[in-house]
Amino acid sequence: MSEDFLEYLHELSEDFGPISTRAMFGGHGVYFEGRIIGIVIDDALYLKADDQTRPAFEAAGCAPFVYESRGKSVPMSYWSLPAEAMDSAQAFLPWARRANEAALRKPIGRKRAKKKAAK
């Protein structure tokens, strides 16, 4: 993971607002106002998308981050950005806003069903 890339990401987000990054799962999480809006894996940024914002990512030719688990490809709700979005804070701004909107729509702390103990 390149510290230079993370520094550049902070510069890109200047028009959007202050972000923070934290190491996680071999990459970094990108946070805005305490909510995760993106992930950085191998110096590539993927921003949060949902049913309402995914069409914009698809129309721009972006793709979801996909990882392998138990021999299957698993797409995540984090999508790549068009190259021009990484060129300037102004070009990055609409994509950051979409990611934040998707993060705001996601419910906080999904509760998992507790498994009943075997008797």
PDB file of N, CA and C in Angstrom:
ATOM      1  N   MET A   1       0.849  -1.176   0.000  1.00  0.00           N
ATOM      2  CA  MET A   1       0.000   0.000   0.000  1.00  0.00           C
ATOM      3  C   MET A   1       0.889   1.231   0.000  1.00  0.00           C
ATOM      4  N   SER A   2       0.630   2.104  -0.923  1.00  0.00           N
ATOM      5  CA  SER A   2       1.431   3.294  -1.067  1.00  0.00           C
ATOM      6  C   SER A   2       0.888   4.455  -0.229  1.00  0.00           C
ATOM      7  N   GLU A   3       1.735   4.995   0.634  1.00  0.00           N
ATOM      8  CA  GLU A   3       1.339   6.170   1.423  1.00  0.00           C
ATOM      9  C   GLU A   3       1.105   7.358   0.497  1.00  0.00           C
ATOM     10  N   ASP A   4       1.832   7.407  -0.628  1.00  0.00           N
ATOM     11  CA  ASP A   4       1.637   8.491  -1.592  1.00  0.00           C
ATOM     12  C   ASP A   4       0.219   8.463  -2.154  1.00  0.00           C
ATOM     13  N   PHE A   5      -0.297   7.269  -2.434  1.00  0.00           N
ATOM     14  CA  PHE A   5      -1.656   7.163  -2.959  1.00  0.00           C
ATOM     15  C   PHE A   5      -2.671   7.660  -1.931  1.00  0.00           C
ATOM     16  N   LEU A   6      -2.483   7.285  -0.674  1.00  0.00           N
ATOM     17  CA  LEU A   6      -3.404   7.733   0.374  1.00  0.00           C
ATOM     18  C   LEU A   6      -3.342   9.249   0.545  1.00  0.00           C
ATOM     19  N   GLU A   7      -2.135   9.822   0.459  1.00  0.00           N
ATOM     20  CA  GLU A   7      -1.999  11.283   0.531  1.00  0.00           C
ATOM     21  C   GLU A   7      -2.746  11.944  -0.621  1.00  0.00           C
ATOM     22  N   TYR A   8      -2.586  11.389  -1.819  1.00  0.00           N
ATOM     23  CA  TYR A   8      -3.269  11.933  -2.990  1.00  0.00           C
ATOM     24  C   TYR A   8      -4.788  11.843  -2.822  1.00  0.00           C
ATOM     25  N   LEU A   9      -5.247  10.769  -2.247  1.00  0.00           N
ATOM     26  CA  LEU A   9      -6.683  10.594  -2.008  1.00  0.00           C
ATOM     27  C   LEU A   9      -7.215  11.692  -1.083  1.00  0.00           C
ATOM     28  N   HIS A  10      -6.446  12.037  -0.082  1.00  0.00           N
ATOM     29  CA  HIS A  10      -6.836  13.136   0.814  1.00  0.00           C
ATOM     30  C   HIS A  10      -6.902  14.462   0.047  1.00  0.00           C
ATOM     31  N   GLU A  11      -5.966  14.678  -0.864  1.00  0.00           N
ATOM     32  CA  GLU A  11      -5.990  15.886  -1.698  1.00  0.00           C
ATOM     33  C   GLU A  11      -7.213  15.893  -2.604  1.00  0.00           C
ATOM     34  N   LEU A  12      -7.518  14.758  -3.216  1.00  0.00           N
ATOM     35  CA  LEU A  12      -8.681  14.653  -4.102  1.00  0.00           C
ATOM     36  C   LEU A  12      -9.982  15.001  -3.383  1.00  0.00           C
ATOM     37  N   SER A  13     -10.055  14.683  -2.112  1.00  0.00           N
ATOM     38  CA  SER A  13     -11.302  14.866  -1.369  1.00  0.00           C
ATOM     39  C   SER A  13     -11.461  16.271  -0.789  1.00  0.00           C
ATOM     40  N   GLU A  14     -10.531  17.176  -1.104  1.00  0.00           N
ATOM     41  CA  GLU A  14     -10.590  18.523  -0.539  1.00  0.00           C
ATOM     42  C   GLU A  14     -11.922  19.221  -0.785  1.00  0.00           C
ATOM     43  N   ASP A  15     -12.478  19.140  -1.992  1.00  0.00           N
ATOM     44  CA  ASP A  15     -13.758  19.791  -2.297  1.00  0.00           C
ATOM     45  C   ASP A  15     -14.930  19.075  -1.632  1.00  0.00           C
ATOM     46  N   PHE A  16     -14.764  17.800  -1.356  1.00  0.00           N
ATOM     47  CA  PHE A  16     -15.816  16.981  -0.746  1.00  0.00           C
ATOM     48  C   PHE A  16     -15.878  17.178   0.762  1.00  0.00           C
ATOM     49  N   GLY A  17     -14.745  17.098   1.395  1.00  0.00           N
ATOM     50  CA  GLY A  17     -14.666  17.224   2.851  1.00  0.00           C
ATOM     51  C   GLY A  17     -13.583  16.318   3.382  1.00  0.00           C
ATOM     52  N   PRO A  18     -13.249  16.474   4.663  1.00  0.00           N
ATOM     53  CA  PRO A  18     -12.153  15.683   5.229  1.00  0.00           C
ATOM     54  C   PRO A  18     -12.515  14.198   5.341  1.00  0.00           C
ATOM     55  N   ILE A  19     -11.636  13.370   4.814  1.00  0.00           N
ATOM     56  CA  ILE A  19     -11.793  11.920   4.937  1.00  0.00           C
ATOM     57  C   ILE A  19     -10.730  11.406   5.882  1.00  0.00           C
ATOM     58  N   SER A  20     -10.922  10.191   6.332  1.00  0.00           N
ATOM     59  CA  SER A  20      -9.884   9.499   7.087  1.00  0.00           C
ATOM     60  C   SER A  20      -9.720   8.122   6.471  1.00  0.00           C
ATOM     61  N   THR A  21      -8.564   7.542   6.675  1.00  0.00           N
ATOM     62  CA  THR A  21      -8.305   6.197   6.166  1.00  0.00           C
ATOM     63  C   THR A  21      -7.749   5.352   7.296  1.00  0.00           C
ATOM     64  N   ARG A  22      -8.139   4.075   7.273  1.00  0.00           N
ATOM     65  CA  ARG A  22      -7.656   3.124   8.284  1.00  0.00           C
ATOM     66  C   ARG A  22      -7.311   1.809   7.605  1.00  0.00           C
ATOM     67  N   ALA A  23      -6.225   1.217   8.051  1.00  0.00           N
ATOM     68  CA  ALA A  23      -5.820  -0.079   7.520  1.00  0.00           C
ATOM     69  C   ALA A  23      -6.874  -1.124   7.859  1.00  0.00           C
ATOM     70  N   MET A  24      -7.200  -1.976   6.879  1.00  0.00           N
ATOM     71  CA  MET A  24      -8.141  -3.072   7.096  1.00  0.00           C
ATOM     72  C   MET A  24      -8.014  -4.094   5.978  1.00  0.00           C
ATOM     73  N   PHE A  25      -8.085  -5.354   6.308  1.00  0.00           N
ATOM     74  CA  PHE A  25      -8.131  -6.455   5.340  1.00  0.00           C
ATOM     75  C   PHE A  25      -7.117  -6.337   4.205  1.00  0.00           C
ATOM     76  N   GLY A  26      -5.897  -5.974   4.513  1.00  0.00           N
ATOM     77  CA  GLY A  26      -4.878  -5.880   3.474  1.00  0.00           C
ATOM     78  C   GLY A  26      -4.977  -4.620   2.638  1.00  0.00           C
ATOM     79  N   GLY A  27      -5.885  -3.726   2.965  1.00  0.00           N
ATOM     80  CA  GLY A  27      -6.030  -2.463   2.255  1.00  0.00           C
ATOM     81  C   GLY A  27      -6.340  -1.376   3.264  1.00  0.00           C
ATOM     82  N   HIS A  28      -7.139  -0.416   2.853  1.00  0.00           N
ATOM     83  CA  HIS A  28      -7.557   0.668   3.737  1.00  0.00           C
ATOM     84  C   HIS A  28      -9.037   0.966   3.527  1.00  0.00           C
ATOM     85  N   GLY A  29      -9.715   1.316   4.601  1.00  0.00           N
ATOM     86  CA  GLY A  29     -11.074   1.824   4.514  1.00  0.00           C
ATOM     87  C   GLY A  29     -11.001   3.333   4.408  1.00  0.00           C
ATOM     88  N   VAL A  30     -11.937   3.908   3.653  1.00  0.00           N
ATOM     89  CA  VAL A  30     -12.016   5.358   3.501  1.00  0.00           C
ATOM     90  C   VAL A  30     -13.299   5.802   4.182  1.00  0.00           C
ATOM     91  N   TYR A  31     -13.168   6.732   5.127  1.00  0.00           N
ATOM     92  CA  TYR A  31     -14.302   7.137   5.959  1.00  0.00           C
ATOM     93  C   TYR A  31     -14.593   8.627   5.805  1.00  0.00           C
ATOM     94  N   PHE A  32     -15.869   8.958   5.865  1.00  0.00           N
ATOM     95  CA  PHE A  32     -16.318  10.347   5.883  1.00  0.00           C
ATOM     96  C   PHE A  32     -17.386  10.457   6.959  1.00  0.00           C
ATOM     97  N   GLU A  33     -17.166  11.339   7.893  1.00  0.00           N
ATOM     98  CA  GLU A  33     -18.092  11.537   9.011  1.00  0.00           C
ATOM     99  C   GLU A  33     -18.454  10.217   9.705  1.00  0.00           C
ATOM    100  N   GLY A  34     -17.435   9.373   9.886  1.00  0.00           N
ATOM    101  CA  GLY A  34     -17.600   8.127  10.621  1.00  0.00           C
ATOM    102  C   GLY A  34     -18.177   6.960   9.844  1.00  0.00           C
ATOM    103  N   ARG A  35     -18.539   7.167   8.594  1.00  0.00           N
ATOM    104  CA  ARG A  35     -19.097   6.083   7.771  1.00  0.00           C
ATOM    105  C   ARG A  35     -18.100   5.702   6.680  1.00  0.00           C
ATOM    106  N   ILE A  36     -18.025   4.408   6.409  1.00  0.00           N
ATOM    107  CA  ILE A  36     -17.129   3.955   5.350  1.00  0.00           C
ATOM    108  C   ILE A  36     -17.777   4.263   3.997  1.00  0.00           C
ATOM    109  N   ILE A  37     -17.012   4.939   3.147  1.00  0.00           N
ATOM    110  CA  ILE A  37     -17.515   5.282   1.814  1.00  0.00           C
ATOM    111  C   ILE A  37     -16.678   4.640   0.721  1.00  0.00           C
ATOM    112  N   GLY A  38     -15.563   4.021   1.092  1.00  0.00           N
ATOM    113  CA  GLY A  38     -14.729   3.417   0.073  1.00  0.00           C
ATOM    114  C   GLY A  38     -13.672   2.513   0.664  1.00  0.00           C
ATOM    115  N   ILE A  39     -12.999   1.809  -0.239  1.00  0.00           N
ATOM    116  CA  ILE A  39     -11.874   0.957   0.142  1.00  0.00           C
ATOM    117  C   ILE A  39     -10.741   1.204  -0.851  1.00  0.00           C
ATOM    118  N   VAL A  40      -9.527   1.058  -0.364  1.00  0.00           N
ATOM    119  CA  VAL A  40      -8.344   1.145  -1.215  1.00  0.00           C
ATOM    120  C   VAL A  40      -7.653  -0.207  -1.153  1.00  0.00           C
ATOM    121  N   ILE A  41      -7.510  -0.826  -2.311  1.00  0.00           N
ATOM    122  CA  ILE A  41      -6.840  -2.117  -2.429  1.00  0.00           C
ATOM    123  C   ILE A  41      -5.804  -1.980  -3.539  1.00  0.00           C
ATOM    124  N   ASP A  42      -4.554  -2.301  -3.237  1.00  0.00           N
ATOM    125  CA  ASP A  42      -3.475  -2.239  -4.236  1.00  0.00           C
ATOM    126  C   ASP A  42      -3.448  -0.909  -4.982  1.00  0.00           C
ATOM    127  N   ASP A  43      -3.512   0.187  -4.249  1.00  0.00           N
ATOM    128  CA  ASP A  43      -3.475   1.540  -4.824  1.00  0.00           C
ATOM    129  C   ASP A  43      -4.591   1.794  -5.837  1.00  0.00           C
ATOM    130  N   ALA A  44      -5.715   1.172  -5.621  1.00  0.00           N
ATOM    131  CA  ALA A  44      -6.902   1.447  -6.436  1.00  0.00           C
ATOM    132  C   ALA A  44      -8.043   1.770  -5.476  1.00  0.00           C
ATOM    133  N   LEU A  45      -8.815   2.801  -5.812  1.00  0.00           N
ATOM    134  CA  LEU A  45      -9.934   3.231  -4.983  1.00  0.00           C
ATOM    135  C   LEU A  45     -11.228   2.650  -5.520  1.00  0.00           C
ATOM    136  N   TYR A  46     -12.051   2.148  -4.614  1.00  0.00           N
ATOM    137  CA  TYR A  46     -13.394   1.656  -4.926  1.00  0.00           C
ATOM    138  C   TYR A  46     -14.340   2.374  -3.976  1.00  0.00           C
ATOM    139  N   LEU A  47     -15.385   2.994  -4.533  1.00  0.00           N
ATOM    140  CA  LEU A  47     -16.335   3.737  -3.704  1.00  0.00           C
ATOM    141  C   LEU A  47     -17.645   2.985  -3.548  1.00  0.00           C
ATOM    142  N   LYS A  48     -18.307   3.222  -2.428  1.00  0.00           N
ATOM    143  CA  LYS A  48     -19.569   2.574  -2.079  1.00  0.00           C
ATOM    144  C   LYS A  48     -20.634   2.902  -3.114  1.00  0.00           C
ATOM    145  N   ALA A  49     -21.378   1.889  -3.512  1.00  0.00           N
ATOM    146  CA  ALA A  49     -22.498   2.058  -4.441  1.00  0.00           C
ATOM    147  C   ALA A  49     -23.678   1.253  -3.912  1.00  0.00           C
ATOM    148  N   ASP A  50     -24.869   1.666  -4.291  1.00  0.00           N
ATOM    149  CA  ASP A  50     -26.074   0.914  -3.935  1.00  0.00           C
ATOM    150  C   ASP A  50     -27.003   0.917  -5.148  1.00  0.00           C
ATOM    151  N   ASP A  51     -28.228   0.447  -4.977  1.00  0.00           N
ATOM    152  CA  ASP A  51     -29.150   0.347  -6.108  1.00  0.00           C
ATOM    153  C   ASP A  51     -29.403   1.693  -6.785  1.00  0.00           C
ATOM    154  N   GLN A  52     -29.335   2.777  -6.020  1.00  0.00           N
ATOM    155  CA  GLN A  52     -29.607   4.093  -6.593  1.00  0.00           C
ATOM    156  C   GLN A  52     -28.401   4.701  -7.306  1.00  0.00           C
ATOM    157  N   THR A  53     -27.193   4.383  -6.859  1.00  0.00           N
ATOM    158  CA  THR A  53     -26.002   4.981  -7.469  1.00  0.00           C
ATOM    159  C   THR A  53     -25.281   4.055  -8.445  1.00  0.00           C
ATOM    160  N   ARG A  54     -25.536   2.762  -8.351  1.00  0.00           N
ATOM    161  CA  ARG A  54     -24.851   1.792  -9.212  1.00  0.00           C
ATOM    162  C   ARG A  54     -24.996   2.106 -10.703  1.00  0.00           C
ATOM    163  N   PRO A  55     -26.183   2.548 -11.177  1.00  0.00           N
ATOM    164  CA  PRO A  55     -26.291   2.849 -12.613  1.00  0.00           C
ATOM    165  C   PRO A  55     -25.278   3.889 -13.105  1.00  0.00           C
ATOM    166  N   ALA A  56     -24.937   4.878 -12.290  1.00  0.00           N
ATOM    167  CA  ALA A  56     -23.943   5.882 -12.696  1.00  0.00           C
ATOM    168  C   ALA A  56     -22.572   5.233 -12.847  1.00  0.00           C
ATOM    169  N   PHE A  57     -22.224   4.332 -11.934  1.00  0.00           N
ATOM    170  CA  PHE A  57     -20.945   3.631 -12.021  1.00  0.00           C
ATOM    171  C   PHE A  57     -20.924   2.739 -13.270  1.00  0.00           C
ATOM    172  N   GLU A  58     -22.015   2.023 -13.498  1.00  0.00           N
ATOM    173  CA  GLU A  58     -22.097   1.152 -14.674  1.00  0.00           C
ATOM    174  C   GLU A  58     -21.991   1.950 -15.971  1.00  0.00           C
ATOM    175  N   ALA A  59     -22.707   3.082 -16.043  1.00  0.00           N
ATOM    176  CA  ALA A  59     -22.706   3.912 -17.251  1.00  0.00           C
ATOM    177  C   ALA A  59     -21.315   4.468 -17.554  1.00  0.00           C
ATOM    178  N   ALA A  60     -20.511   4.652 -16.511  1.00  0.00           N
ATOM    179  CA  ALA A  60     -19.152   5.176 -16.685  1.00  0.00           C
ATOM    180  C   ALA A  60     -18.141   4.063 -16.964  1.00  0.00           C
ATOM    181  N   GLY A  61     -18.615   2.824 -17.070  1.00  0.00           N
ATOM    182  CA  GLY A  61     -17.722   1.706 -17.375  1.00  0.00           C
ATOM    183  C   GLY A  61     -16.944   1.185 -16.182  1.00  0.00           C
ATOM    184  N   CYS A  62     -17.413   1.477 -14.983  1.00  0.00           N
ATOM    185  CA  CYS A  62     -16.747   1.033 -13.758  1.00  0.00           C
ATOM    186  C   CYS A  62     -17.147  -0.406 -13.440  1.00  0.00           C
ATOM    187  N   ALA A  63     -16.434  -1.012 -12.496  1.00  0.00           N
ATOM    188  CA  ALA A  63     -16.715  -2.403 -12.126  1.00  0.00           C
ATOM    189  C   ALA A  63     -16.607  -2.558 -10.611  1.00  0.00           C
ATOM    190  N   PRO A  64     -17.331  -3.535 -10.057  1.00  0.00           N
ATOM    191  CA  PRO A  64     -17.237  -3.757  -8.612  1.00  0.00           C
ATOM    192  C   PRO A  64     -15.916  -4.413  -8.240  1.00  0.00           C
ATOM    193  N   PHE A  65     -15.500  -4.193  -6.997  1.00  0.00           N
ATOM    194  CA  PHE A  65     -14.359  -4.923  -6.464  1.00  0.00           C
ATOM    195  C   PHE A  65     -14.836  -6.355  -6.238  1.00  0.00           C
ATOM    196  N   VAL A  66     -14.057  -7.315  -6.691  1.00  0.00           N
ATOM    197  CA  VAL A  66     -14.413  -8.728  -6.577  1.00  0.00           C
ATOM    198  C   VAL A  66     -13.276  -9.459  -5.869  1.00  0.00           C
ATOM    199  N   TYR A  67     -13.640 -10.299  -4.909  1.00  0.00           N
ATOM    200  CA  TYR A  67     -12.632 -11.122  -4.251  1.00  0.00           C
ATOM    201  C   TYR A  67     -13.044 -12.581  -4.371  1.00  0.00           C
ATOM    202  N   GLU A  68     -12.081 -13.467  -4.162  1.00  0.00           N
ATOM    203  CA  GLU A  68     -12.321 -14.904  -4.264  1.00  0.00           C
ATOM    204  C   GLU A  68     -12.559 -15.479  -2.871  1.00  0.00           C
ATOM    205  N   SER A  69     -13.597 -16.298  -2.738  1.00  0.00           N
ATOM    206  CA  SER A  69     -13.886 -16.969  -1.481  1.00  0.00           C
ATOM    207  C   SER A  69     -14.426 -18.364  -1.783  1.00  0.00           C
ATOM    208  N   ARG A  70     -13.732 -19.348  -1.285  1.00  0.00           N
ATOM    209  CA  ARG A  70     -14.128 -20.744  -1.476  1.00  0.00           C
ATOM    210  C   ARG A  70     -14.343 -21.083  -2.958  1.00  0.00           C
ATOM    211  N   GLY A  71     -13.444 -20.582  -3.785  1.00  0.00           N
ATOM    212  CA  GLY A  71     -13.491 -20.885  -5.208  1.00  0.00           C
ATOM    213  C   GLY A  71     -14.533 -20.104  -5.990  1.00  0.00           C
ATOM    214  N   LYS A  72     -15.176 -19.129  -5.363  1.00  0.00           N
ATOM    215  CA  LYS A  72     -16.194 -18.329  -6.053  1.00  0.00           C
ATOM    216  C   LYS A  72     -15.797 -16.858  -6.038  1.00  0.00           C
ATOM    217  N   SER A  73     -16.180 -16.149  -7.092  1.00  0.00           N
ATOM    218  CA  SER A  73     -15.963 -14.710  -7.153  1.00  0.00           C
ATOM    219  C   SER A  73     -17.111 -14.021  -6.432  1.00  0.00           C
ATOM    220  N   VAL A  74     -16.761 -13.126  -5.518  1.00  0.00           N
ATOM    221  CA  VAL A  74     -17.763 -12.418  -4.728  1.00  0.00           C
ATOM    222  C   VAL A  74     -17.641 -10.917  -4.990  1.00  0.00           C
ATOM    223  N   PRO A  75     -18.617 -10.321  -5.700  1.00  0.00           N
ATOM    224  CA  PRO A  75     -18.559  -8.873  -5.921  1.00  0.00           C
ATOM    225  C   PRO A  75     -19.019  -8.122  -4.675  1.00  0.00           C
ATOM    226  N   MET A  76     -18.364  -7.009  -4.402  1.00  0.00           N
ATOM    227  CA  MET A  76     -18.731  -6.184  -3.253  1.00  0.00           C
ATOM    228  C   MET A  76     -19.504  -4.955  -3.744  1.00  0.00           C
ATOM    229  N   SER A  77     -19.997  -4.179  -2.809  1.00  0.00           N
ATOM    230  CA  SER A  77     -20.751  -2.975  -3.155  1.00  0.00           C
ATOM    231  C   SER A  77     -19.830  -1.761  -3.278  1.00  0.00           C
ATOM    232  N   TYR A  78     -18.570  -1.993  -3.584  1.00  0.00           N
ATOM    233  CA  TYR A  78     -17.594  -0.931  -3.808  1.00  0.00           C
ATOM    234  C   TYR A  78     -17.145  -1.012  -5.260  1.00  0.00           C
ATOM    235  N   TRP A  79     -17.232   0.115  -5.966  1.00  0.00           N
ATOM    236  CA  TRP A  79     -16.979   0.149  -7.405  1.00  0.00           C
ATOM    237  C   TRP A  79     -15.787   1.024  -7.755  1.00  0.00           C
ATOM    238  N   SER A  80     -15.105   0.642  -8.824  1.00  0.00           N
ATOM    239  CA  SER A  80     -13.999   1.448  -9.332  1.00  0.00           C
ATOM    240  C   SER A  80     -14.555   2.769  -9.870  1.00  0.00           C
ATOM    241  N   LEU A  81     -13.657   3.682 -10.170  1.00  0.00           N
ATOM    242  CA  LEU A  81     -14.050   4.996 -10.685  1.00  0.00           C
ATOM    243  C   LEU A  81     -13.528   5.176 -12.103  1.00  0.00           C
ATOM    244  N   PRO A  82     -14.181   6.038 -12.880  1.00  0.00           N
ATOM    245  CA  PRO A  82     -13.599   6.352 -14.185  1.00  0.00           C
ATOM    246  C   PRO A  82     -12.263   7.067 -13.977  1.00  0.00           C
ATOM    247  N   ALA A  83     -11.315   6.869 -14.872  1.00  0.00           N
ATOM    248  CA  ALA A  83      -9.970   7.430 -14.714  1.00  0.00           C
ATOM    249  C   ALA A  83      -9.997   8.934 -14.483  1.00  0.00           C
ATOM    250  N   GLU A  84     -10.875   9.641 -15.188  1.00  0.00           N
ATOM    251  CA  GLU A  84     -10.894  11.106 -15.053  1.00  0.00           C
ATOM    252  C   GLU A  84     -11.333  11.568 -13.656  1.00  0.00           C
ATOM    253  N   ALA A  85     -12.032  10.721 -12.905  1.00  0.00           N
ATOM    254  CA  ALA A  85     -12.456  11.078 -11.546  1.00  0.00           C
ATOM    255  C   ALA A  85     -11.260  11.185 -10.606  1.00  0.00           C
ATOM    256  N   MET A  86     -10.158  10.570 -10.996  1.00  0.00           N
ATOM    257  CA  MET A  86      -8.951  10.601 -10.164  1.00  0.00           C
ATOM    258  C   MET A  86      -8.010  11.731 -10.575  1.00  0.00           C
ATOM    259  N   ASP A  87      -8.432  12.560 -11.550  1.00  0.00           N
ATOM    260  CA  ASP A  87      -7.565  13.616 -12.062  1.00  0.00           C
ATOM    261  C   ASP A  87      -7.601  14.903 -11.251  1.00  0.00           C
ATOM    262  N   SER A  88      -8.745  15.196 -10.609  1.00  0.00           N
ATOM    263  CA  SER A  88      -8.851  16.459  -9.879  1.00  0.00           C
ATOM    264  C   SER A  88      -9.920  16.351  -8.795  1.00  0.00           C
ATOM    265  N   ALA A  89      -9.825  17.243  -7.819  1.00  0.00           N
ATOM    266  CA  ALA A  89     -10.825  17.270  -6.742  1.00  0.00           C
ATOM    267  C   ALA A  89     -12.214  17.541  -7.312  1.00  0.00           C
ATOM    268  N   GLN A  90     -12.284  18.383  -8.323  1.00  0.00           N
ATOM    269  CA  GLN A  90     -13.578  18.720  -8.936  1.00  0.00           C
ATOM    270  C   GLN A  90     -14.183  17.506  -9.660  1.00  0.00           C
ATOM    271  N   ALA A  91     -13.363  16.727 -10.355  1.00  0.00           N
ATOM    272  CA  ALA A  91     -13.853  15.539 -11.058  1.00  0.00           C
ATOM    273  C   ALA A  91     -14.212  14.427 -10.074  1.00  0.00           C
ATOM    274  N   PHE A  92     -13.540  14.403  -8.936  1.00  0.00           N
ATOM    275  CA  PHE A  92     -13.778  13.384  -7.915  1.00  0.00           C
ATOM    276  C   PHE A  92     -15.068  13.647  -7.136  1.00  0.00           C
ATOM    277  N   LEU A  93     -15.421  14.911  -6.976  1.00  0.00           N
ATOM    278  CA  LEU A  93     -16.518  15.327  -6.111  1.00  0.00           C
ATOM    279  C   LEU A  93     -17.843  14.592  -6.346  1.00  0.00           C
ATOM    280  N   PRO A  94     -18.370  14.492  -7.572  1.00  0.00           N
ATOM    281  CA  PRO A  94     -19.662  13.810  -7.724  1.00  0.00           C
ATOM    282  C   PRO A  94     -19.619  12.332  -7.336  1.00  0.00           C
ATOM    283  N   TRP A  95     -18.473  11.702  -7.525  1.00  0.00           N
ATOM    284  CA  TRP A  95     -18.345  10.283  -7.171  1.00  0.00           C
ATOM    285  C   TRP A  95     -18.297  10.105  -5.663  1.00  0.00           C
ATOM    286  N   ALA A  96     -17.601  11.004  -4.986  1.00  0.00           N
ATOM    287  CA  ALA A  96     -17.552  10.963  -3.519  1.00  0.00           C
ATOM    288  C   ALA A  96     -18.943  11.201  -2.948  1.00  0.00           C
ATOM    289  N   ARG A  97     -19.677  12.129  -3.544  1.00  0.00           N
ATOM    290  CA  ARG A  97     -21.047  12.402  -3.072  1.00  0.00           C
ATOM    291  C   ARG A  97     -21.934  11.178  -3.244  1.00  0.00           C
ATOM    292  N   ARG A  98     -21.814  10.489  -4.383  1.00  0.00           N
ATOM    293  CA  ARG A  98     -22.603   9.262  -4.603  1.00  0.00           C
ATOM    294  C   ARG A  98     -22.273   8.213  -3.540  1.00  0.00           C
ATOM    295  N   ALA A  99     -20.992   8.063  -3.262  1.00  0.00           N
ATOM    296  CA  ALA A  99     -20.573   7.066  -2.262  1.00  0.00           C
ATOM    297  C   ALA A  99     -21.127   7.430  -0.887  1.00  0.00           C
ATOM    298  N   ASN A 100     -21.090   8.701  -0.544  1.00  0.00           N
ATOM    299  CA  ASN A 100     -21.614   9.129   0.754  1.00  0.00           C
ATOM    300  C   ASN A 100     -23.125   8.917   0.821  1.00  0.00           C
ATOM    301  N   GLU A 101     -23.835   9.226  -0.268  1.00  0.00           N
ATOM    302  CA  GLU A 101     -25.284   8.999  -0.291  1.00  0.00           C
ATOM    303  C   GLU A 101     -25.608   7.526  -0.077  1.00  0.00           C
ATOM    304  N   ALA A 102     -24.858   6.642  -0.737  1.00  0.00           N
ATOM    305  CA  ALA A 102     -25.075   5.200  -0.566  1.00  0.00           C
ATOM    306  C   ALA A 102     -24.792   4.785   0.872  1.00  0.00           C
ATOM    307  N   ALA A 103     -23.726   5.332   1.455  1.00  0.00           N
ATOM    308  CA  ALA A 103     -23.385   5.003   2.845  1.00  0.00           C
ATOM    309  C   ALA A 103     -24.471   5.493   3.802  1.00  0.00           C
ATOM    310  N   LEU A 104     -25.022   6.660   3.533  1.00  0.00           N
ATOM    311  CA  LEU A 104     -26.077   7.203   4.402  1.00  0.00           C
ATOM    312  C   LEU A 104     -27.362   6.371   4.334  1.00  0.00           C
ATOM    313  N   ARG A 105     -27.617   5.765   3.177  1.00  0.00           N
ATOM    314  CA  ARG A 105     -28.825   4.941   3.034  1.00  0.00           C
ATOM    315  C   ARG A 105     -28.678   3.566   3.679  1.00  0.00           C
ATOM    316  N   LYS A 106     -27.437   3.128   3.900  1.00  0.00           N
ATOM    317  CA  LYS A 106     -27.222   1.797   4.486  1.00  0.00           C
ATOM    318  C   LYS A 106     -27.519   1.851   5.983  1.00  0.00           C
ATOM    319  N   PRO A 107     -28.343   0.945   6.473  1.00  0.00           N
ATOM    320  CA  PRO A 107     -28.627   0.923   7.913  1.00  0.00           C
ATOM    321  C   PRO A 107     -27.357   0.667   8.719  1.00  0.00           C
ATOM    322  N   ILE A 108     -27.268   1.290   9.867  1.00  0.00           N
ATOM    323  CA  ILE A 108     -26.111   1.105  10.737  1.00  0.00           C
ATOM    324  C   ILE A 108     -26.287  -0.172  11.552  1.00  0.00           C
ATOM    325  N   GLY A 109     -25.204  -0.933  11.670  1.00  0.00           N
ATOM    326  CA  GLY A 109     -25.164  -2.092  12.564  1.00  0.00           C
ATOM    327  C   GLY A 109     -26.267  -3.109  12.360  1.00  0.00           C
ATOM    328  N   ARG A 110     -26.226  -3.772  11.220  1.00  0.00           N
ATOM    329  CA  ARG A 110     -27.199  -4.843  11.012  1.00  0.00           C
ATOM    330  C   ARG A 110     -27.057  -5.864  12.124  1.00  0.00           C
ATOM    331  N   LYS A 111     -28.170  -6.233  12.710  1.00  0.00           N
ATOM    332  CA  LYS A 111     -28.124  -7.232  13.786  1.00  0.00           C
ATOM    333  C   LYS A 111     -28.193  -8.613  13.168  1.00  0.00           C
ATOM    334  N   ARG A 112     -27.333  -9.467  13.656  1.00  0.00           N
ATOM    335  CA  ARG A 112     -27.314 -10.847  13.179  1.00  0.00           C
ATOM    336  C   ARG A 112     -28.186 -11.698  14.086  1.00  0.00           C
ATOM    337  N   ALA A 113     -28.838 -12.645  13.472  1.00  0.00           N
ATOM    338  CA  ALA A 113     -29.683 -13.560  14.273  1.00  0.00           C
ATOM    339  C   ALA A 113     -28.762 -14.430  15.136  1.00  0.00           C
ATOM    340  N   LYS A 114     -29.109 -14.548  16.378  1.00  0.00           N
ATOM    341  CA  LYS A 114     -28.322 -15.393  17.264  1.00  0.00           C
ATOM    342  C   LYS A 114     -28.683 -16.846  17.037  1.00  0.00           C
ATOM    343  N   LYS A 115     -27.649 -17.676  17.017  1.00  0.00           N
ATOM    344  CA  LYS A 115     -27.889 -19.108  16.870  1.00  0.00           C
ATOM    345  C   LYS A 115     -28.258 -19.673  18.228  1.00  0.00           C
ATOM    346  N   LYS A 116     -29.245 -20.540  18.241  1.00  0.00           N
ATOM    347  CA  LYS A 116     -29.627 -21.170  19.499  1.00  0.00           C
ATOM    348  C   LYS A 116     -28.623 -22.252  19.853  1.00  0.00           C
ATOM    349  N   ALA A 117     -28.253 -22.282  21.101  1.00  0.00           N
ATOM    350  CA  ALA A 117     -27.291 -23.268  21.572  1.00  0.00           C
ATOM    351  C   ALA A 117     -27.927 -24.655  21.528  1.00  0.00           C
ATOM    352  N   ALA A 118     -27.149 -25.623  21.118  1.00  0.00           N
ATOM    353  CA  ALA A 118     -27.631 -27.000  21.091  1.00  0.00           C
ATOM    354  C   ALA A 118     -27.789 -27.501  22.537  1.00  0.00           C
ATOM    355  N   LYS A 119     -28.874 -28.189  22.775  1.00  0.00           N
ATOM    356  CA  LYS A 119     -29.115 -28.691  24.137  1.00  0.00           C
ATOM    357  C   LYS A 119     -28.712 -30.125  24.276  1.00  0.00           C
TER     358      LYS A 119
END
